[in-house]
Amino acid sequence: MFWGYDATLVIRIVDKIKGAYHRIQPPRRDPMLYFGGRDLMEFTELAGFRAVHLDLEANIKPKTKGMDWNTFLRGAGNPRITTFAKAIREALTFSEIEPFIAHLRSRVEFKQRID
């Protein structure tokens, strides 16, 4: 899987892109991940807040259409890491980019994400 899309046919290429992201933001050190509601409560108490109340409201709606490929390329997993397009350029050779995009682009544009 790569960003929720089946990447089985291009797994070796995907591994190179994942490696680029791991160099930028090592796993388990990403400040945007690996915490939950209880962690947030603890962080607020450690910051000096004494009365803390947390409400969670989540709305999950089915996607009705795919994502524009250029929008996907400009995206990033969080504001502290590189865009998908830049990771592709940095991690792959020219001969790897074409088959990777050929595989992934239609899946992105035709909402074939597996969540």
N, C-alpha and C. Protein backbone atom coordinates (compact mmCIF):
# COMPACT_ATOMS: atom_id res chain seq x y z
N MET A 1 0.85 -1.19 0.00
CA MET A 1 0.00 0.00 0.00
C MET A 1 0.89 1.25 0.00
N PHE A 2 0.45 2.24 -0.72
CA PHE A 2 1.14 3.53 -0.73
C PHE A 2 0.09 4.63 -0.68
N TRP A 3 0.06 5.35 0.41
CA TRP A 3 -0.91 6.41 0.67
C TRP A 3 -2.35 5.92 0.45
N GLY A 4 -2.60 4.66 0.77
CA GLY A 4 -3.94 4.10 0.66
C GLY A 4 -4.24 3.47 -0.69
N TYR A 5 -3.27 3.39 -1.56
CA TYR A 5 -3.48 2.82 -2.89
C TYR A 5 -2.66 1.55 -3.04
N ASP A 6 -3.24 0.55 -3.73
CA ASP A 6 -2.54 -0.70 -3.98
C ASP A 6 -1.35 -0.43 -4.87
N ALA A 7 -0.19 -0.78 -4.40
CA ALA A 7 1.05 -0.55 -5.15
C ALA A 7 1.84 -1.84 -5.33
N THR A 8 1.16 -2.95 -5.27
CA THR A 8 1.81 -4.26 -5.35
C THR A 8 2.68 -4.39 -6.59
N LEU A 9 2.19 -3.92 -7.73
CA LEU A 9 2.92 -4.10 -8.98
C LEU A 9 4.18 -3.24 -9.08
N VAL A 10 4.29 -2.22 -8.26
CA VAL A 10 5.45 -1.33 -8.30
C VAL A 10 6.10 -1.22 -6.92
N ILE A 11 6.05 -2.30 -6.16
CA ILE A 11 6.49 -2.26 -4.77
C ILE A 11 7.95 -1.86 -4.59
N ARG A 12 8.83 -2.28 -5.49
CA ARG A 12 10.25 -1.90 -5.36
C ARG A 12 10.42 -0.39 -5.52
N ILE A 13 9.66 0.19 -6.42
CA ILE A 13 9.71 1.64 -6.62
C ILE A 13 9.14 2.35 -5.39
N VAL A 14 8.03 1.85 -4.88
CA VAL A 14 7.40 2.42 -3.69
C VAL A 14 8.36 2.39 -2.50
N ASP A 15 9.09 1.30 -2.35
CA ASP A 15 10.04 1.21 -1.25
C ASP A 15 11.09 2.32 -1.32
N LYS A 16 11.49 2.71 -2.51
CA LYS A 16 12.46 3.80 -2.65
C LYS A 16 11.85 5.13 -2.21
N ILE A 17 10.59 5.37 -2.56
CA ILE A 17 9.92 6.61 -2.15
C ILE A 17 9.72 6.62 -0.64
N LYS A 18 9.29 5.50 -0.09
CA LYS A 18 9.13 5.42 1.37
C LYS A 18 10.46 5.67 2.07
N GLY A 19 11.55 5.16 1.49
CA GLY A 19 12.87 5.41 2.06
C GLY A 19 13.21 6.89 2.09
N ALA A 20 12.83 7.61 1.04
CA ALA A 20 13.07 9.06 1.00
C ALA A 20 12.30 9.74 2.13
N TYR A 21 11.05 9.34 2.35
CA TYR A 21 10.26 9.94 3.43
C TYR A 21 10.85 9.56 4.79
N HIS A 22 11.32 8.35 4.95
CA HIS A 22 11.90 7.94 6.24
C HIS A 22 13.18 8.71 6.56
N ARG A 23 13.92 9.08 5.52
CA ARG A 23 15.12 9.91 5.76
C ARG A 23 14.72 11.33 6.19
N ILE A 24 13.65 11.84 5.62
CA ILE A 24 13.17 13.18 5.97
C ILE A 24 12.57 13.20 7.37
N GLN A 25 11.71 12.21 7.63
CA GLN A 25 11.02 12.14 8.92
C GLN A 25 11.04 10.68 9.39
N PRO A 26 12.03 10.30 10.21
CA PRO A 26 12.13 8.91 10.64
C PRO A 26 10.83 8.41 11.31
N PRO A 27 10.49 7.16 11.04
CA PRO A 27 9.28 6.60 11.67
C PRO A 27 9.35 6.72 13.19
N ARG A 28 8.22 6.85 13.78
CA ARG A 28 8.07 6.98 15.24
C ARG A 28 8.63 8.29 15.79
N ARG A 29 9.06 9.20 14.92
CA ARG A 29 9.52 10.51 15.38
C ARG A 29 8.71 11.62 14.76
N ASP A 30 7.69 11.27 14.01
CA ASP A 30 6.86 12.25 13.34
C ASP A 30 5.95 12.91 14.37
N PRO A 31 6.07 14.21 14.58
CA PRO A 31 5.26 14.88 15.60
C PRO A 31 3.77 14.93 15.24
N MET A 32 3.44 14.60 14.00
CA MET A 32 2.04 14.63 13.59
C MET A 32 1.34 13.28 13.81
N LEU A 33 2.08 12.27 14.22
CA LEU A 33 1.54 10.93 14.38
C LEU A 33 1.88 10.36 15.74
N TYR A 34 1.34 9.20 16.02
CA TYR A 34 1.68 8.42 17.19
C TYR A 34 1.31 9.08 18.51
N PHE A 35 0.11 9.65 18.55
CA PHE A 35 -0.45 10.11 19.81
C PHE A 35 -1.96 9.98 19.72
N GLY A 36 -2.59 9.90 20.86
CA GLY A 36 -4.04 9.76 20.91
C GLY A 36 -4.66 10.79 21.84
N GLY A 37 -5.94 10.64 22.08
CA GLY A 37 -6.67 11.58 22.93
C GLY A 37 -6.11 11.67 24.34
N ARG A 38 -5.74 10.54 24.89
CA ARG A 38 -5.17 10.56 26.25
C ARG A 38 -3.83 11.29 26.27
N ASP A 39 -3.05 11.10 25.21
CA ASP A 39 -1.78 11.84 25.11
C ASP A 39 -2.04 13.34 25.07
N LEU A 40 -3.03 13.75 24.29
CA LEU A 40 -3.35 15.18 24.21
C LEU A 40 -3.74 15.74 25.58
N MET A 41 -4.52 14.96 26.32
CA MET A 41 -4.90 15.41 27.66
C MET A 41 -3.66 15.56 28.55
N GLU A 42 -2.76 14.59 28.48
CA GLU A 42 -1.54 14.65 29.28
C GLU A 42 -0.67 15.85 28.87
N PHE A 43 -0.56 16.09 27.58
CA PHE A 43 0.24 17.22 27.10
C PHE A 43 -0.31 18.55 27.60
N THR A 44 -1.64 18.68 27.63
CA THR A 44 -2.23 19.94 28.10
C THR A 44 -1.97 20.12 29.60
N GLU A 45 -2.04 19.03 30.35
CA GLU A 45 -1.75 19.12 31.78
C GLU A 45 -0.28 19.48 32.01
N LEU A 46 0.62 18.85 31.24
CA LEU A 46 2.04 19.16 31.37
C LEU A 46 2.35 20.60 30.98
N ALA A 47 1.53 21.17 30.10
CA ALA A 47 1.72 22.55 29.68
C ALA A 47 1.19 23.54 30.73
N GLY A 48 0.55 23.03 31.78
CA GLY A 48 0.10 23.90 32.86
C GLY A 48 -1.39 24.14 32.92
N PHE A 49 -2.15 23.59 32.01
CA PHE A 49 -3.61 23.75 32.07
C PHE A 49 -4.15 22.82 33.15
N ARG A 50 -5.05 23.32 33.96
CA ARG A 50 -5.57 22.52 35.07
C ARG A 50 -6.96 21.97 34.78
N ALA A 51 -7.82 22.73 34.19
CA ALA A 51 -9.17 22.26 33.85
C ALA A 51 -9.20 22.00 32.34
N VAL A 52 -9.28 20.73 31.99
CA VAL A 52 -9.24 20.35 30.58
C VAL A 52 -10.46 19.51 30.27
N HIS A 53 -11.14 19.85 29.17
CA HIS A 53 -12.29 19.10 28.71
C HIS A 53 -12.11 18.83 27.23
N LEU A 54 -12.32 17.60 26.80
CA LEU A 54 -12.12 17.24 25.40
C LEU A 54 -13.38 16.58 24.86
N ASP A 55 -13.90 17.14 23.77
CA ASP A 55 -15.02 16.53 23.03
C ASP A 55 -14.51 16.11 21.67
N LEU A 56 -14.93 14.94 21.23
CA LEU A 56 -14.55 14.46 19.91
C LEU A 56 -15.80 14.26 19.08
N GLU A 57 -15.80 14.86 17.91
CA GLU A 57 -16.88 14.64 16.95
C GLU A 57 -16.23 14.26 15.63
N ALA A 58 -16.62 13.13 15.09
CA ALA A 58 -16.03 12.66 13.83
C ALA A 58 -17.14 12.38 12.82
N ASN A 59 -16.98 12.92 11.63
CA ASN A 59 -17.91 12.67 10.54
C ASN A 59 -17.13 12.05 9.39
N ILE A 60 -17.51 10.86 9.02
CA ILE A 60 -16.84 10.18 7.93
C ILE A 60 -17.84 10.04 6.79
N LYS A 61 -17.46 10.61 5.66
CA LYS A 61 -18.35 10.59 4.50
C LYS A 61 -17.66 9.84 3.37
N PRO A 62 -18.44 9.08 2.60
CA PRO A 62 -17.82 8.40 1.46
C PRO A 62 -17.35 9.41 0.41
N LYS A 63 -16.24 9.09 -0.22
CA LYS A 63 -15.74 9.96 -1.26
C LYS A 63 -16.57 9.76 -2.52
N THR A 64 -16.92 10.83 -3.16
CA THR A 64 -17.78 10.73 -4.33
C THR A 64 -17.01 10.83 -5.63
N LYS A 65 -15.75 11.26 -5.56
CA LYS A 65 -14.95 11.34 -6.78
C LYS A 65 -13.48 11.20 -6.44
N GLY A 66 -12.69 10.95 -7.45
CA GLY A 66 -11.26 10.84 -7.24
C GLY A 66 -10.62 12.20 -7.03
N MET A 67 -9.34 12.16 -6.79
CA MET A 67 -8.58 13.39 -6.58
C MET A 67 -7.84 13.75 -7.87
N ASP A 68 -7.76 15.02 -8.14
CA ASP A 68 -6.98 15.50 -9.27
C ASP A 68 -5.52 15.11 -9.06
N TRP A 69 -4.89 14.57 -10.10
CA TRP A 69 -3.51 14.09 -10.00
C TRP A 69 -2.56 15.20 -9.56
N ASN A 70 -2.70 16.40 -10.09
CA ASN A 70 -1.80 17.50 -9.72
C ASN A 70 -1.99 17.90 -8.26
N THR A 71 -3.21 17.82 -7.77
CA THR A 71 -3.46 18.09 -6.36
C THR A 71 -2.76 17.04 -5.50
N PHE A 72 -2.85 15.79 -5.91
CA PHE A 72 -2.19 14.70 -5.20
C PHE A 72 -0.68 14.93 -5.16
N LEU A 73 -0.09 15.31 -6.30
CA LEU A 73 1.35 15.54 -6.36
C LEU A 73 1.81 16.67 -5.44
N ARG A 74 0.97 17.68 -5.27
CA ARG A 74 1.33 18.81 -4.41
C ARG A 74 1.09 18.53 -2.93
N GLY A 75 0.48 17.38 -2.62
CA GLY A 75 0.15 17.05 -1.25
C GLY A 75 1.34 16.52 -0.47
N ALA A 76 1.19 16.56 0.84
CA ALA A 76 2.20 16.01 1.75
C ALA A 76 1.47 15.40 2.93
N GLY A 77 2.07 14.41 3.54
CA GLY A 77 1.44 13.76 4.69
C GLY A 77 1.23 14.69 5.87
N ASN A 78 2.08 15.67 6.01
CA ASN A 78 1.92 16.71 7.03
C ASN A 78 2.76 17.91 6.61
N PRO A 79 2.58 19.04 7.25
CA PRO A 79 3.27 20.27 6.82
C PRO A 79 4.78 20.25 6.98
N ARG A 80 5.31 19.27 7.69
CA ARG A 80 6.74 19.24 7.96
C ARG A 80 7.53 18.36 7.01
N ILE A 81 6.85 17.71 6.05
CA ILE A 81 7.56 16.84 5.12
C ILE A 81 7.37 17.34 3.69
N THR A 82 8.15 16.79 2.79
CA THR A 82 8.14 17.21 1.40
C THR A 82 6.88 16.77 0.67
N THR A 83 6.60 17.39 -0.44
CA THR A 83 5.45 17.00 -1.25
C THR A 83 5.73 15.65 -1.92
N PHE A 84 4.66 15.04 -2.37
CA PHE A 84 4.78 13.77 -3.06
C PHE A 84 5.60 13.93 -4.34
N ALA A 85 5.39 14.99 -5.09
CA ALA A 85 6.14 15.23 -6.34
C ALA A 85 7.64 15.34 -6.07
N LYS A 86 8.00 16.06 -5.03
CA LYS A 86 9.42 16.23 -4.72
C LYS A 86 10.04 14.91 -4.27
N ALA A 87 9.31 14.12 -3.51
CA ALA A 87 9.82 12.82 -3.08
C ALA A 87 10.05 11.91 -4.28
N ILE A 88 9.15 11.96 -5.26
CA ILE A 88 9.33 11.16 -6.48
C ILE A 88 10.61 11.58 -7.19
N ARG A 89 10.79 12.88 -7.35
CA ARG A 89 11.99 13.39 -8.05
C ARG A 89 13.28 13.02 -7.32
N GLU A 90 13.24 13.06 -6.00
CA GLU A 90 14.44 12.78 -5.22
C GLU A 90 14.76 11.29 -5.11
N ALA A 91 13.73 10.45 -5.10
CA ALA A 91 13.95 9.04 -4.82
C ALA A 91 14.08 8.15 -6.05
N LEU A 92 13.50 8.57 -7.17
CA LEU A 92 13.42 7.69 -8.32
C LEU A 92 14.27 8.16 -9.49
N THR A 93 14.66 7.20 -10.30
CA THR A 93 15.33 7.53 -11.55
C THR A 93 14.26 7.85 -12.59
N PHE A 94 14.67 8.46 -13.68
CA PHE A 94 13.71 8.79 -14.74
C PHE A 94 12.98 7.55 -15.23
N SER A 95 13.69 6.44 -15.36
CA SER A 95 13.07 5.21 -15.86
C SER A 95 12.10 4.59 -14.85
N GLU A 96 12.18 4.95 -13.58
CA GLU A 96 11.24 4.45 -12.57
C GLU A 96 10.00 5.33 -12.44
N ILE A 97 10.15 6.61 -12.74
CA ILE A 97 9.03 7.54 -12.58
C ILE A 97 7.87 7.17 -13.48
N GLU A 98 8.13 6.91 -14.73
CA GLU A 98 7.04 6.63 -15.68
C GLU A 98 6.18 5.44 -15.28
N PRO A 99 6.74 4.27 -14.98
CA PRO A 99 5.87 3.15 -14.60
C PRO A 99 5.15 3.38 -13.27
N PHE A 100 5.80 4.10 -12.36
CA PHE A 100 5.16 4.38 -11.09
C PHE A 100 3.93 5.26 -11.29
N ILE A 101 4.09 6.34 -12.04
CA ILE A 101 2.96 7.24 -12.29
C ILE A 101 1.88 6.53 -13.09
N ALA A 102 2.26 5.73 -14.08
CA ALA A 102 1.28 4.99 -14.86
C ALA A 102 0.43 4.08 -13.96
N HIS A 103 1.06 3.52 -12.97
CA HIS A 103 0.34 2.63 -12.06
C HIS A 103 -0.56 3.39 -11.09
N LEU A 104 -0.05 4.45 -10.52
CA LEU A 104 -0.75 5.14 -9.43
C LEU A 104 -1.77 6.18 -9.90
N ARG A 105 -1.50 6.87 -10.97
CA ARG A 105 -2.35 7.99 -11.37
C ARG A 105 -3.81 7.61 -11.56
N SER A 106 -4.08 6.54 -12.26
CA SER A 106 -5.49 6.15 -12.48
C SER A 106 -6.16 5.77 -11.17
N ARG A 107 -5.42 5.18 -10.27
CA ARG A 107 -5.99 4.81 -8.98
C ARG A 107 -6.37 6.06 -8.17
N VAL A 108 -5.55 7.08 -8.25
CA VAL A 108 -5.85 8.34 -7.55
C VAL A 108 -7.05 9.02 -8.20
N GLU A 109 -7.04 9.15 -9.51
CA GLU A 109 -8.10 9.90 -10.21
C GLU A 109 -9.45 9.19 -10.20
N PHE A 110 -9.43 7.86 -10.08
CA PHE A 110 -10.69 7.12 -10.10
C PHE A 110 -11.04 6.52 -8.75
N LYS A 111 -10.61 7.21 -7.69
CA LYS A 111 -10.91 6.90 -6.28
C LYS A 111 -10.81 5.41 -5.96
N GLN A 112 -9.69 4.84 -6.24
CA GLN A 112 -9.46 3.44 -5.90
C GLN A 112 -8.65 3.29 -4.62
N ARG A 113 -8.82 4.26 -3.75
CA ARG A 113 -8.12 4.22 -2.45
C ARG A 113 -8.75 3.15 -1.58
N ILE A 114 -7.91 2.44 -0.84
CA ILE A 114 -8.35 1.40 0.07
C ILE A 114 -8.07 1.89 1.47
N ASP A 115 -9.11 2.21 2.21
CA ASP A 115 -8.92 2.74 3.57
C ASP A 115 -9.17 1.68 4.61
